[in-house]
Amino acid sequence: MEDIPGVIIPLAYTGIAQALYKKYQGEAVKQHVLAEGELYSAGRGALFGLIGLVLFVAFLLLVLWLAEGVTIFDLIEAFRS
């Protein structure tokens, strides 16, 4: 894994997600927009992403609190190796 640049994996799964979206939902979304269906702002999407991040960090901190002797630095070190 050390030979693969860090940007390759996110680009790959982003491309795969986009291809799956177009294949399975693209036409339905296009029809929805053409029928003047309700759309949401990017700000609302960002808000939900932020809420998800907060929930994830809260869950992570809860796990650390329950796992005695494990610190956030231990997790960071585990992800680096």
PDB file of N, CA and C in Angstrom:
ATOM      1  N   MET A   1       0.817  -1.204   0.000  1.00  0.00           N
ATOM      2  CA  MET A   1       0.000   0.000   0.000  1.00  0.00           C
ATOM      3  C   MET A   1       0.854   1.259   0.000  1.00  0.00           C
ATOM      4  N   GLU A   2       2.087   1.166   0.454  1.00  0.00           N
ATOM      5  CA  GLU A   2       2.931   2.344   0.521  1.00  0.00           C
ATOM      6  C   GLU A   2       3.303   2.859  -0.863  1.00  0.00           C
ATOM      7  N   ASP A   3       3.256   1.995  -1.877  1.00  0.00           N
ATOM      8  CA  ASP A   3       3.627   2.398  -3.229  1.00  0.00           C
ATOM      9  C   ASP A   3       2.519   3.176  -3.934  1.00  0.00           C
ATOM     10  N   ILE A   4       1.289   3.084  -3.433  1.00  0.00           N
ATOM     11  CA  ILE A   4       0.147   3.746  -4.064  1.00  0.00           C
ATOM     12  C   ILE A   4       0.005   5.147  -3.469  1.00  0.00           C
ATOM     13  N   PRO A   5       0.025   6.180  -4.296  1.00  0.00           N
ATOM     14  CA  PRO A   5      -0.168   7.542  -3.771  1.00  0.00           C
ATOM     15  C   PRO A   5      -1.527   7.662  -3.077  1.00  0.00           C
ATOM     16  N   GLY A   6      -1.575   8.466  -2.021  1.00  0.00           N
ATOM     17  CA  GLY A   6      -2.783   8.594  -1.212  1.00  0.00           C
ATOM     18  C   GLY A   6      -4.004   9.106  -1.956  1.00  0.00           C
ATOM     19  N   VAL A   7      -3.816   9.763  -3.087  1.00  0.00           N
ATOM     20  CA  VAL A   7      -4.934  10.344  -3.813  1.00  0.00           C
ATOM     21  C   VAL A   7      -5.610   9.327  -4.743  1.00  0.00           C
ATOM     22  N   ILE A   8      -4.939   8.257  -5.082  1.00  0.00           N
ATOM     23  CA  ILE A   8      -5.462   7.286  -6.058  1.00  0.00           C
ATOM     24  C   ILE A   8      -6.730   6.599  -5.543  1.00  0.00           C
ATOM     25  N   ILE A   9      -6.718   6.126  -4.305  1.00  0.00           N
ATOM     26  CA  ILE A   9      -7.863   5.378  -3.778  1.00  0.00           C
ATOM     27  C   ILE A   9      -9.116   6.256  -3.698  1.00  0.00           C
ATOM     28  N   PRO A  10      -9.062   7.478  -3.131  1.00  0.00           N
ATOM     29  CA  PRO A  10     -10.268   8.316  -3.144  1.00  0.00           C
ATOM     30  C   PRO A  10     -10.770   8.637  -4.553  1.00  0.00           C
ATOM     31  N   LEU A  11      -9.856   8.879  -5.486  1.00  0.00           N
ATOM     32  CA  LEU A  11     -10.288   9.126  -6.866  1.00  0.00           C
ATOM     33  C   LEU A  11     -10.973   7.902  -7.449  1.00  0.00           C
ATOM     34  N   ALA A  12     -10.455   6.730  -7.151  1.00  0.00           N
ATOM     35  CA  ALA A  12     -11.045   5.499  -7.682  1.00  0.00           C
ATOM     36  C   ALA A  12     -12.452   5.284  -7.144  1.00  0.00           C
ATOM     37  N   TYR A  13     -12.638   5.382  -5.818  1.00  0.00           N
ATOM     38  CA  TYR A  13     -13.987   5.114  -5.313  1.00  0.00           C
ATOM     39  C   TYR A  13     -14.958   6.243  -5.634  1.00  0.00           C
ATOM     40  N   THR A  14     -14.459   7.455  -5.832  1.00  0.00           N
ATOM     41  CA  THR A  14     -15.331   8.540  -6.270  1.00  0.00           C
ATOM     42  C   THR A  14     -15.813   8.282  -7.698  1.00  0.00           C
ATOM     43  N   GLY A  15     -14.909   7.842  -8.556  1.00  0.00           N
ATOM     44  CA  GLY A  15     -15.289   7.511  -9.928  1.00  0.00           C
ATOM     45  C   GLY A  15     -16.270   6.360  -9.989  1.00  0.00           C
ATOM     46  N   ILE A  16     -16.050   5.343  -9.163  1.00  0.00           N
ATOM     47  CA  ILE A  16     -16.960   4.194  -9.120  1.00  0.00           C
ATOM     48  C   ILE A  16     -18.336   4.630  -8.625  1.00  0.00           C
ATOM     49  N   ALA A  17     -18.364   5.466  -7.566  1.00  0.00           N
ATOM     50  CA  ALA A  17     -19.649   5.946  -7.041  1.00  0.00           C
ATOM     51  C   ALA A  17     -20.402   6.758  -8.086  1.00  0.00           C
ATOM     52  N   GLN A  18     -19.680   7.590  -8.829  1.00  0.00           N
ATOM     53  CA  GLN A  18     -20.326   8.401  -9.867  1.00  0.00           C
ATOM     54  C   GLN A  18     -20.882   7.518 -10.984  1.00  0.00           C
ATOM     55  N   ALA A  19     -20.133   6.509 -11.376  1.00  0.00           N
ATOM     56  CA  ALA A  19     -20.609   5.606 -12.429  1.00  0.00           C
ATOM     57  C   ALA A  19     -21.849   4.842 -11.967  1.00  0.00           C
ATOM     58  N   LEU A  20     -21.851   4.380 -10.715  1.00  0.00           N
ATOM     59  CA  LEU A  20     -23.021   3.665 -10.186  1.00  0.00           C
ATOM     60  C   LEU A  20     -24.231   4.594 -10.093  1.00  0.00           C
ATOM     61  N   TYR A  21     -23.997   5.835  -9.681  1.00  0.00           N
ATOM     62  CA  TYR A  21     -25.080   6.812  -9.615  1.00  0.00           C
ATOM     63  C   TYR A  21     -25.708   7.008 -10.990  1.00  0.00           C
ATOM     64  N   LYS A  22     -24.867   7.242 -11.986  1.00  0.00           N
ATOM     65  CA  LYS A  22     -25.387   7.476 -13.336  1.00  0.00           C
ATOM     66  C   LYS A  22     -26.140   6.264 -13.859  1.00  0.00           C
ATOM     67  N   LYS A  23     -25.617   5.066 -13.582  1.00  0.00           N
ATOM     68  CA  LYS A  23     -26.249   3.852 -14.091  1.00  0.00           C
ATOM     69  C   LYS A  23     -27.606   3.591 -13.432  1.00  0.00           C
ATOM     70  N   TYR A  24     -27.676   3.725 -12.104  1.00  0.00           N
ATOM     71  CA  TYR A  24     -28.879   3.311 -11.387  1.00  0.00           C
ATOM     72  C   TYR A  24     -29.846   4.442 -11.057  1.00  0.00           C
ATOM     73  N   GLN A  25     -29.371   5.692 -10.964  1.00  0.00           N
ATOM     74  CA  GLN A  25     -30.262   6.783 -10.578  1.00  0.00           C
ATOM     75  C   GLN A  25     -30.261   7.952 -11.546  1.00  0.00           C
ATOM     76  N   GLY A  26     -29.333   7.982 -12.466  1.00  0.00           N
ATOM     77  CA  GLY A  26     -29.182   9.136 -13.343  1.00  0.00           C
ATOM     78  C   GLY A  26     -30.443   9.545 -14.076  1.00  0.00           C
ATOM     79  N   GLU A  27     -31.097   8.600 -14.708  1.00  0.00           N
ATOM     80  CA  GLU A  27     -32.295   8.913 -15.488  1.00  0.00           C
ATOM     81  C   GLU A  27     -33.445   9.363 -14.586  1.00  0.00           C
ATOM     82  N   ALA A  28     -33.608   8.729 -13.430  1.00  0.00           N
ATOM     83  CA  ALA A  28     -34.676   9.123 -12.502  1.00  0.00           C
ATOM     84  C   ALA A  28     -34.456  10.540 -11.985  1.00  0.00           C
ATOM     85  N   VAL A  29     -33.227  10.885 -11.669  1.00  0.00           N
ATOM     86  CA  VAL A  29     -32.924  12.242 -11.193  1.00  0.00           C
ATOM     87  C   VAL A  29     -33.161  13.252 -12.312  1.00  0.00           C
ATOM     88  N   LYS A  30     -32.751  12.900 -13.510  1.00  0.00           N
ATOM     89  CA  LYS A  30     -32.955  13.791 -14.657  1.00  0.00           C
ATOM     90  C   LYS A  30     -34.446  14.061 -14.862  1.00  0.00           C
ATOM     91  N   GLN A  31     -35.271  13.028 -14.805  1.00  0.00           N
ATOM     92  CA  GLN A  31     -36.716  13.190 -14.964  1.00  0.00           C
ATOM     93  C   GLN A  31     -37.305  14.027 -13.829  1.00  0.00           C
ATOM     94  N   HIS A  32     -36.806  13.820 -12.621  1.00  0.00           N
ATOM     95  CA  HIS A  32     -37.275  14.582 -11.456  1.00  0.00           C
ATOM     96  C   HIS A  32     -36.994  16.076 -11.637  1.00  0.00           C
ATOM     97  N   VAL A  33     -35.789  16.395 -12.092  1.00  0.00           N
ATOM     98  CA  VAL A  33     -35.414  17.798 -12.309  1.00  0.00           C
ATOM     99  C   VAL A  33     -36.238  18.400 -13.439  1.00  0.00           C
ATOM    100  N   LEU A  34     -36.424  17.654 -14.525  1.00  0.00           N
ATOM    101  CA  LEU A  34     -37.223  18.148 -15.650  1.00  0.00           C
ATOM    102  C   LEU A  34     -38.674  18.384 -15.257  1.00  0.00           C
ATOM    103  N   ALA A  35     -39.182  17.597 -14.308  1.00  0.00           N
ATOM    104  CA  ALA A  35     -40.558  17.755 -13.837  1.00  0.00           C
ATOM    105  C   ALA A  35     -40.653  18.824 -12.748  1.00  0.00           C
ATOM    106  N   GLU A  36     -39.564  19.583 -12.578  1.00  0.00           N
ATOM    107  CA  GLU A  36     -39.476  20.644 -11.575  1.00  0.00           C
ATOM    108  C   GLU A  36     -39.714  20.106 -10.169  1.00  0.00           C
ATOM    109  N   GLY A  37     -39.153  18.942  -9.913  1.00  0.00           N
ATOM    110  CA  GLY A  37     -39.228  18.354  -8.577  1.00  0.00           C
ATOM    111  C   GLY A  37     -38.383  19.142  -7.592  1.00  0.00           C
ATOM    112  N   GLU A  38     -38.623  18.908  -6.323  1.00  0.00           N
ATOM    113  CA  GLU A  38     -37.939  19.658  -5.267  1.00  0.00           C
ATOM    114  C   GLU A  38     -36.454  19.308  -5.218  1.00  0.00           C
ATOM    115  N   LEU A  39     -35.629  20.335  -5.135  1.00  0.00           N
ATOM    116  CA  LEU A  39     -34.187  20.172  -5.003  1.00  0.00           C
ATOM    117  C   LEU A  39     -33.730  20.850  -3.718  1.00  0.00           C
ATOM    118  N   TYR A  40     -32.651  20.359  -3.157  1.00  0.00           N
ATOM    119  CA  TYR A  40     -32.103  20.949  -1.941  1.00  0.00           C
ATOM    120  C   TYR A  40     -30.777  21.624  -2.240  1.00  0.00           C
ATOM    121  N   SER A  41     -30.414  22.580  -1.405  1.00  0.00           N
ATOM    122  CA  SER A  41     -29.195  23.353  -1.627  1.00  0.00           C
ATOM    123  C   SER A  41     -27.967  22.551  -1.204  1.00  0.00           C
ATOM    124  N   ALA A  42     -26.810  22.995  -1.697  1.00  0.00           N
ATOM    125  CA  ALA A  42     -25.542  22.387  -1.293  1.00  0.00           C
ATOM    126  C   ALA A  42     -25.300  22.633   0.192  1.00  0.00           C
ATOM    127  N   GLY A  43     -25.797  23.756   0.703  1.00  0.00           N
ATOM    128  CA  GLY A  43     -25.656  24.054   2.121  1.00  0.00           C
ATOM    129  C   GLY A  43     -26.342  23.019   2.991  1.00  0.00           C
ATOM    130  N   ARG A  44     -27.500  22.563   2.547  1.00  0.00           N
ATOM    131  CA  ARG A  44     -28.212  21.533   3.309  1.00  0.00           C
ATOM    132  C   ARG A  44     -27.428  20.224   3.282  1.00  0.00           C
ATOM    133  N   GLY A  45     -26.843  19.904   2.141  1.00  0.00           N
ATOM    134  CA  GLY A  45     -26.006  18.707   2.056  1.00  0.00           C
ATOM    135  C   GLY A  45     -24.793  18.815   2.955  1.00  0.00           C
ATOM    136  N   ALA A  46     -24.189  20.002   2.986  1.00  0.00           N
ATOM    137  CA  ALA A  46     -23.028  20.225   3.850  1.00  0.00           C
ATOM    138  C   ALA A  46     -23.425  20.111   5.318  1.00  0.00           C
ATOM    139  N   LEU A  47     -24.598  20.614   5.662  1.00  0.00           N
ATOM    140  CA  LEU A  47     -25.084  20.517   7.042  1.00  0.00           C
ATOM    141  C   LEU A  47     -25.234  19.059   7.467  1.00  0.00           C
ATOM    142  N   PHE A  48     -25.839  18.236   6.604  1.00  0.00           N
ATOM    143  CA  PHE A  48     -26.001  16.825   6.940  1.00  0.00           C
ATOM    144  C   PHE A  48     -24.651  16.118   7.018  1.00  0.00           C
ATOM    145  N   GLY A  49     -23.716  16.514   6.158  1.00  0.00           N
ATOM    146  CA  GLY A  49     -22.370  15.952   6.242  1.00  0.00           C
ATOM    147  C   GLY A  49     -21.701  16.314   7.556  1.00  0.00           C
ATOM    148  N   LEU A  50     -21.869  17.558   7.997  1.00  0.00           N
ATOM    149  CA  LEU A  50     -21.301  18.007   9.262  1.00  0.00           C
ATOM    150  C   LEU A  50     -21.944  17.270  10.438  1.00  0.00           C
ATOM    151  N   ILE A  51     -23.242  17.088  10.381  1.00  0.00           N
ATOM    152  CA  ILE A  51     -23.932  16.330  11.435  1.00  0.00           C
ATOM    153  C   ILE A  51     -23.394  14.907  11.488  1.00  0.00           C
ATOM    154  N   GLY A  52     -23.196  14.292  10.331  1.00  0.00           N
ATOM    155  CA  GLY A  52     -22.632  12.947  10.287  1.00  0.00           C
ATOM    156  C   GLY A  52     -21.233  12.895  10.879  1.00  0.00           C
ATOM    157  N   LEU A  53     -20.423  13.901  10.588  1.00  0.00           N
ATOM    158  CA  LEU A  53     -19.070  13.964  11.137  1.00  0.00           C
ATOM    159  C   LEU A  53     -19.106  14.085  12.655  1.00  0.00           C
ATOM    160  N   VAL A  54     -19.972  14.942  13.169  1.00  0.00           N
ATOM    161  CA  VAL A  54     -20.095  15.121  14.619  1.00  0.00           C
ATOM    162  C   VAL A  54     -20.527  13.807  15.273  1.00  0.00           C
ATOM    163  N   LEU A  55     -21.498  13.130  14.677  1.00  0.00           N
ATOM    164  CA  LEU A  55     -21.948  11.846  15.232  1.00  0.00           C
ATOM    165  C   LEU A  55     -20.836  10.806  15.207  1.00  0.00           C
ATOM    166  N   PHE A  56     -20.059  10.779  14.128  1.00  0.00           N
ATOM    167  CA  PHE A  56     -18.956   9.831  14.022  1.00  0.00           C
ATOM    168  C   PHE A  56     -17.901  10.097  15.096  1.00  0.00           C
ATOM    169  N   VAL A  57     -17.533  11.363  15.270  1.00  0.00           N
ATOM    170  CA  VAL A  57     -16.529  11.708  16.279  1.00  0.00           C
ATOM    171  C   VAL A  57     -17.064  11.399  17.673  1.00  0.00           C
ATOM    172  N   ALA A  58     -18.332  11.673  17.929  1.00  0.00           N
ATOM    173  CA  ALA A  58     -18.926  11.360  19.231  1.00  0.00           C
ATOM    174  C   ALA A  58     -18.885   9.857  19.486  1.00  0.00           C
ATOM    175  N   PHE A  59     -19.193   9.061  18.471  1.00  0.00           N
ATOM    176  CA  PHE A  59     -19.135   7.610  18.613  1.00  0.00           C
ATOM    177  C   PHE A  59     -17.708   7.149  18.884  1.00  0.00           C
ATOM    178  N   LEU A  60     -16.756   7.725  18.167  1.00  0.00           N
ATOM    179  CA  LEU A  60     -15.353   7.384  18.362  1.00  0.00           C
ATOM    180  C   LEU A  60     -14.907   7.706  19.790  1.00  0.00           C
ATOM    181  N   LEU A  61     -15.288   8.873  20.275  1.00  0.00           N
ATOM    182  CA  LEU A  61     -14.934   9.250  21.641  1.00  0.00           C
ATOM    183  C   LEU A  61     -15.605   8.346  22.665  1.00  0.00           C
ATOM    184  N   LEU A  62     -16.824   7.934  22.404  1.00  0.00           N
ATOM    185  CA  LEU A  62     -17.513   6.997  23.293  1.00  0.00           C
ATOM    186  C   LEU A  62     -16.781   5.666  23.348  1.00  0.00           C
ATOM    187  N   VAL A  63     -16.371   5.174  22.208  1.00  0.00           N
ATOM    188  CA  VAL A  63     -15.623   3.914  22.173  1.00  0.00           C
ATOM    189  C   VAL A  63     -14.321   4.056  22.946  1.00  0.00           C
ATOM    190  N   LEU A  64     -13.629   5.174  22.765  1.00  0.00           N
ATOM    191  CA  LEU A  64     -12.380   5.402  23.508  1.00  0.00           C
ATOM    192  C   LEU A  64     -12.629   5.467  25.005  1.00  0.00           C
ATOM    193  N   TRP A  65     -13.731   6.081  25.389  1.00  0.00           N
ATOM    194  CA  TRP A  65     -14.056   6.196  26.805  1.00  0.00           C
ATOM    195  C   TRP A  65     -14.354   4.828  27.409  1.00  0.00           C
ATOM    196  N   LEU A  66     -15.036   3.984  26.631  1.00  0.00           N
ATOM    197  CA  LEU A  66     -15.380   2.643  27.115  1.00  0.00           C
ATOM    198  C   LEU A  66     -14.181   1.701  27.096  1.00  0.00           C
ATOM    199  N   ALA A  67     -13.255   1.906  26.182  1.00  0.00           N
ATOM    200  CA  ALA A  67     -12.073   1.049  26.073  1.00  0.00           C
ATOM    201  C   ALA A  67     -10.969   1.648  26.942  1.00  0.00           C
ATOM    202  N   GLU A  68     -10.915   1.221  28.163  1.00  0.00           N
ATOM    203  CA  GLU A  68      -9.947   1.780  29.103  1.00  0.00           C
ATOM    204  C   GLU A  68      -8.523   1.536  28.613  1.00  0.00           C
ATOM    205  N   GLY A  69      -7.696   2.549  28.744  1.00  0.00           N
ATOM    206  CA  GLY A  69      -6.302   2.424  28.376  1.00  0.00           C
ATOM    207  C   GLY A  69      -6.005   2.752  26.925  1.00  0.00           C
ATOM    208  N   VAL A  70      -7.036   2.978  26.109  1.00  0.00           N
ATOM    209  CA  VAL A  70      -6.828   3.329  24.704  1.00  0.00           C
ATOM    210  C   VAL A  70      -7.001   4.838  24.568  1.00  0.00           C
ATOM    211  N   THR A  71      -6.037   5.484  23.944  1.00  0.00           N
ATOM    212  CA  THR A  71      -6.127   6.931  23.743  1.00  0.00           C
ATOM    213  C   THR A  71      -6.295   7.234  22.260  1.00  0.00           C
ATOM    214  N   ILE A  72      -6.636   8.463  21.974  1.00  0.00           N
ATOM    215  CA  ILE A  72      -6.780   8.883  20.580  1.00  0.00           C
ATOM    216  C   ILE A  72      -5.449   8.756  19.851  1.00  0.00           C
ATOM    217  N   PHE A  73      -4.353   8.924  20.583  1.00  0.00           N
ATOM    218  CA  PHE A  73      -3.032   8.799  19.971  1.00  0.00           C
ATOM    219  C   PHE A  73      -2.746   7.359  19.563  1.00  0.00           C
ATOM    220  N   ASP A  74      -3.274   6.405  20.326  1.00  0.00           N
ATOM    221  CA  ASP A  74      -3.134   4.999  19.946  1.00  0.00           C
ATOM    222  C   ASP A  74      -3.851   4.728  18.628  1.00  0.00           C
ATOM    223  N   LEU A  75      -5.025   5.305  18.461  1.00  0.00           N
ATOM    224  CA  LEU A  75      -5.775   5.120  17.211  1.00  0.00           C
ATOM    225  C   LEU A  75      -5.061   5.770  16.038  1.00  0.00           C
ATOM    226  N   ILE A  76      -4.549   6.968  16.247  1.00  0.00           N
ATOM    227  CA  ILE A  76      -3.828   7.648  15.170  1.00  0.00           C
ATOM    228  C   ILE A  76      -2.621   6.823  14.752  1.00  0.00           C
ATOM    229  N   GLU A  77      -1.889   6.303  15.715  1.00  0.00           N
ATOM    230  CA  GLU A  77      -0.721   5.479  15.424  1.00  0.00           C
ATOM    231  C   GLU A  77      -1.128   4.205  14.683  1.00  0.00           C
ATOM    232  N   ALA A  78      -2.268   3.620  15.059  1.00  0.00           N
ATOM    233  CA  ALA A  78      -2.738   2.399  14.397  1.00  0.00           C
ATOM    234  C   ALA A  78      -3.082   2.677  12.932  1.00  0.00           C
ATOM    235  N   PHE A  79      -3.649   3.846  12.636  1.00  0.00           N
ATOM    236  CA  PHE A  79      -3.988   4.174  11.260  1.00  0.00           C
ATOM    237  C   PHE A  79      -2.765   4.490  10.428  1.00  0.00           C
ATOM    238  N   ARG A  80      -1.721   4.977  11.058  1.00  0.00           N
ATOM    239  CA  ARG A  80      -0.487   5.296  10.333  1.00  0.00           C
ATOM    240  C   ARG A  80       0.270   4.049   9.938  1.00  0.00           C
ATOM    241  N   SER A  81       0.138   2.981  10.692  1.00  0.00           N
ATOM    242  CA  SER A  81       0.919   1.776  10.375  1.00  0.00           C
ATOM    243  C   SER A  81       0.166   0.814   9.498  1.00  0.00           C
TER     244      SER A  81
END
